[in-house]
């Protein structure tokens, strides 16, 4: 919804420094139009517990992610730790 509204022709120019996404899986490919129109705006993917949208990781979405049409959960917020486990609850390598 944000993309449709922002990319439509309108008489004003947005002055947004950051757009933070959270709660659903992000498709970076859909952000190309926004990044083209607002190249200075940082697009940041946050990841955490969906039910409460508590973020524990972050990843700025750049042209690399948009071109690859892939998103990852990024790195832990500096004051937090993240452990990625396999199906047997064993830590997996980075």
Protein backbone atom coordinates (compact mmCIF):
# COMPACT_ATOMS: atom_id res chain seq x y z
CA UNK A 1 0.00 0.00 0.00
CA UNK A 2 2.84 2.38 0.82
CA UNK A 3 4.46 1.76 -2.54
CA UNK A 4 1.25 2.36 -4.50
CA UNK A 5 0.62 5.65 -2.73
CA UNK A 6 4.19 6.93 -2.89
CA UNK A 7 4.81 5.99 -6.51
CA UNK A 8 1.56 7.54 -7.74
CA UNK A 9 1.88 11.01 -9.19
CA UNK A 10 1.37 13.53 -6.42
CA UNK A 11 2.25 17.20 -5.93
CA UNK A 12 4.53 16.73 -2.93
CA UNK A 13 7.98 15.32 -2.37
CA UNK A 14 8.55 13.00 0.57
CA UNK A 15 11.43 13.74 2.91
CA UNK A 16 11.79 10.39 4.61
CA UNK A 17 15.14 9.24 5.99
CA UNK A 18 14.21 5.66 6.87
CA UNK A 19 11.45 3.21 6.02
CA UNK A 20 11.41 0.23 8.39
CA UNK A 21 9.65 -3.00 7.43
CA UNK A 22 8.56 -5.64 9.93
CA UNK A 23 5.94 -8.32 10.48
CA UNK A 24 5.86 -10.04 7.09
CA UNK A 25 8.42 -11.53 4.71
CA UNK A 26 9.86 -8.75 2.58
CA UNK A 27 10.20 -8.91 -1.20
CA UNK A 28 13.06 -6.49 -2.04
CA UNK A 29 12.27 -6.62 -5.76
CA UNK A 30 9.07 -4.66 -5.06
CA UNK A 31 11.12 -1.77 -3.63
CA UNK A 32 12.98 -0.85 -6.83
CA UNK A 33 10.51 1.87 -7.85
CA UNK A 34 10.64 3.47 -4.41
CA UNK A 35 14.45 3.37 -4.28
CA UNK A 36 14.65 4.90 -7.75
CA UNK A 37 12.32 7.75 -6.77
CA UNK A 38 13.85 8.26 -3.30
CA UNK A 39 17.49 7.07 -3.52
CA UNK A 40 18.53 8.76 -0.27
CA UNK A 41 15.90 6.98 1.84
CA UNK A 42 17.24 3.94 3.71
CA UNK A 43 15.03 0.86 3.45
CA UNK A 44 15.52 -1.36 6.49
CA UNK A 45 14.22 -4.89 7.04
CA UNK A 46 13.65 -5.78 10.70
CA UNK A 47 13.04 -9.30 11.94
CA UNK A 48 11.67 -10.60 15.19
CA UNK A 49 8.65 -12.11 16.85
CA UNK A 50 5.79 -11.52 14.40
CA UNK A 51 2.99 -11.51 16.94
CA UNK A 52 4.39 -8.47 18.72
CA UNK A 53 6.72 -7.08 16.04
CA UNK A 54 9.61 -7.04 18.50
CA UNK A 55 12.68 -6.57 16.34
CA UNK A 56 15.94 -8.36 17.06
CA UNK A 57 17.74 -8.04 13.71
CA UNK A 58 18.04 -5.43 10.99
CA UNK A 59 19.23 -5.26 7.39
CA UNK A 60 19.32 -2.25 5.10
CA UNK A 61 17.83 -3.16 1.72
CA UNK A 62 20.14 -1.98 -1.07
CA UNK A 63 20.14 -2.43 -4.83
CA UNK A 64 21.96 -5.74 -4.29
CA UNK A 65 18.96 -7.25 -2.49
CA UNK A 66 16.50 -5.70 -4.93
CA UNK A 67 18.31 -7.08 -7.98
CA UNK A 68 18.66 -10.53 -6.37
CA UNK A 69 15.00 -10.42 -5.23
CA UNK A 70 16.17 -11.94 -1.94
CA UNK A 71 15.82 -10.82 1.61
CA UNK A 72 17.59 -11.99 4.71
CA UNK A 73 17.12 -11.20 8.37
CA UNK A 74 20.40 -9.30 8.64
CA UNK A 75 22.41 -8.93 11.83
CA UNK A 76 21.38 -8.66 15.43
CA UNK A 77 20.72 -5.23 16.87
CA UNK A 78 23.97 -4.32 18.72
CA UNK A 79 22.50 -4.83 22.20
CA UNK A 80 20.94 -8.23 21.37
CA UNK A 81 22.03 -11.75 20.41
CA UNK A 82 20.59 -14.03 17.77
CA UNK A 83 20.89 -17.80 17.52
CA UNK A 84 19.79 -19.61 14.35
CA UNK A 85 18.95 -23.27 14.98
CA UNK A 86 18.29 -26.24 12.73
CA UNK A 87 15.25 -28.52 12.99
CA UNK A 88 16.93 -30.32 15.93
CA UNK A 89 17.53 -27.05 17.76
CA UNK A 90 21.27 -27.15 17.15
CA UNK A 91 23.10 -23.92 16.20
CA UNK A 92 23.85 -23.59 12.49
CA UNK A 93 26.91 -21.80 11.10
CA UNK A 94 26.69 -18.29 9.70
